[in-house]
Structure formats: structure tokens, C-alpha cells
């Protein structure tokens, strides 16, 4: 299988003779450099290792809302220099990008998306520096729009999807996906649609999961009101593994996204789903907004199990957010249950919550308090991991462009698995240059 770099070059050659619209959007960026000290860099139960890490980096955000080109690209590029050479230095990238080029107005669009991040190699072990890898999911393809009546329209999409992991080669795949939707505009704020989506997944030869087809048929209702946004989908999904002796699987499908703006300052959001999913699809759920929160200290390692397995996901997440001139708070409890289709030994249930508080002590000084707790049960392994992370973050601005950041983070995990409990203290200080 070709790497994402090879495929990107092929796309560039294919589009080399095409005239693209002029790019003129808003670009913001941040340059930063700092030093981090950890008293347990390997996140071990015994014999902790103290380590200093030099972290230069850059974060950026680009927004284009033109008539022909719409783009929303945000990212964070960091270099981790482990002083003392106990670990190999790392270059890490976190990226969420979405771009849409209108080739024929109201007829034909070309969409490109790319999602990069850092994930663990072994999800059952702590995310020490030698248990991290770069991942990437890239999608590309056209969207055709057509009219079927005064209030009825259609949309057909074709996508190529490539997933890549630096170490876990069984995650690598290429996919083709086609979808068709018939949309009825009930009124200016509400629409109803019937949708069919078919995906063909071709995995690496050493993947633990055979190649498979995933088909979904569902109805969707979308309502956008002044204080309430609702997106509801109900239907049926089917998996067909293209290997003799591997059974098919099917199940009802349900997705719900609800945002209620109770006041100008208060928002309540609910996200729920019951659907088949996999690691590549999970990594594509990262939205551009929010990726730069906490930028200036490096890149956090995610918690996705990077492999080829397909699972039934049951997810419920509630988010409460309040914003004012000096004080912001968000609280987000989460419940998630994964039932693996081909390997039930990995079945797991997550219960957790995050709390973020920001208080502007002065116009140029902001104090943040963060806390995240999680209880992860591996149902078939008789294992439970309970993790609690909490810390303080102080950001100051000396001039319109220059500032500094200091943070203190404590991480604690208790595990039923011997050797997987740990506690760590991190201290960070760095300088920031904002465009």
C-alpha cells in the first residue's frame, strides 16, 4: 500500500493542470518555545525517571470563506527534544483541515480533508515517549448537487479515504465511499432526507480484520432554529466481511446532535450515537474548532486504539458551557461503550468527565483550571483503569505580540493490571509570539 505522501503527490500531479481559485483568507499563527520537566516521563509504577524536554513549536489557523473556496485548517507542529538523550527526539503534528472548492456553482464541488494526530501504539500501556506514533487520515473526492423539484434536491458524493499509522501497520487502509441523499426542504429551517452510504474497506495484509463492506441506509431530520439546532438520523447498518467463514453483522443505526442556546452566554449540547465505527472514522471526528485550545505547550497524546477492528459504539456526551467577559466554564460528562465485532476480548466501557475553568485576572493575564477523570473497564479482560488529571495554567501577555505561559499538571492512574499504575507531575514554562 502506498504511503499518504505518495498518494498526496499523485493528487498533486492529477490536479497540476487545473486552475484553482485565488487564495485570500485569514491566517493566524503562534510561535512558542518552552521547557517541560516531568518527574516520571515513562509513566511507570516504580523507578520513575525525571526528564527535561525542550519544546519549540508553532500553531496555526487558516479560514477562507470565499465564493469558490471554503477552507478551515488548524494545526499544531511541535518538536520534542529529550535533553539527556534518554529518548529519541520526536516531531509531532496535530492537524484538522477541511477544504471545499466549488467547480460549478450549485452543481459540482471538490472536497479535501486531512486529520493528523499522535496516538498510542499500545492502548493497554501508558503513553510514554516510546509508546507514541503519528497517525493520519486523508479524504478526497467530488460532490454532485442536482435539483429534483422546487423544494427537493439531491446530493451524490464519491470519496477516497487513506489511513496511515507510523508503527501500527495493521491500521493502514484505503477505502472508497459513495453516498446518495435526497433532501426535502420542509421550510426555511427544517429539512428531511433519505440517505444511502456504501463504503469498501481494503486493509493491510497483516491486519487482524478481513476486508469488509459497510452499508448504511437512514433517514435524517435537521432543524436550525434561533436557539436550537437538531440533527437526528435513524436507520440500519450492515457489515459484510469479504472472507469465507466470517459472518456478516447488522444493527439499527442512530445518531443525535443537539445544541440549545439557552441565553447568549449559555449553551447545552448533547451528542449520542449507536453505530458501527472504527479507529479511522474516530480520528476523522476531530473538528477544526477547539484544536488550538492549550496551544503553546506541545501536543497531547490521544487515547484511540489504533488498529483495524470494527466495533459497535454506543456513545452519550453532554456539554454545558458558560461564557462571560471574565469567566468561562465548561463541563462535559461522557459515557462510551465499544463492542468489538471480530474480537470481543477488547470490549470496553468508558465513563468520565472534563471540567475547564478560565478566569481573566486582568485583561493581560488568564488563569485556567483543568480536570479530567475517566474510568475505563475492559469487560473481558477483568481490568479497570481509573485516571485523574488536573492542573493549573497561567497565560500572560506582555505586548500585543509577546507573552508567556506557565502550567502545572498532575496525572494519576490506578490499574488492576500490574505495572500499569502511575503518578506524574509536570511543570512547564515557555514564551509565546502571536501574529
Foldseek 3Di string as FASTA:
>chain_A
DDDPVVVVVVVCVVCVPPDADDDDWDKWKKWKKWKKWKQAQQQWPDDGDIWIKIKTWMWMWTADDDPFKGKTKIKIWIWIDTPPPPDDIDIWMFIWMKMKGCPDPQFKIKIKIKGKGKAFCALVFDRHVVGIKIKMKIKIWMKGKADDDPFKIKIKIKMWMFIDIPPAQQLTKIKIKIKMKIKGPPDPFKIKIWMKMKMWIPTDPPAPAATKIKIWTWMWMWGDDPFKTKIKIKTKMKIGGPDPPQDIDIDIWIWIWMWGRPDPFKIKIKTWIWAKDAQSVVSNVDHSPPPCVVPRFHHDYDNHNRGDWIWTKTKIKMKIWGDDPFKIKMKMWIWMWTQTDPDRQQTKIKTKMKIKMWGPPDPFKIKMKIKIWMWMDRPNVRKIKTKIKIKMKMKGDDDPFKIKIKMKMKIFMDMPDPTRTGIMIMIMIMMMTID
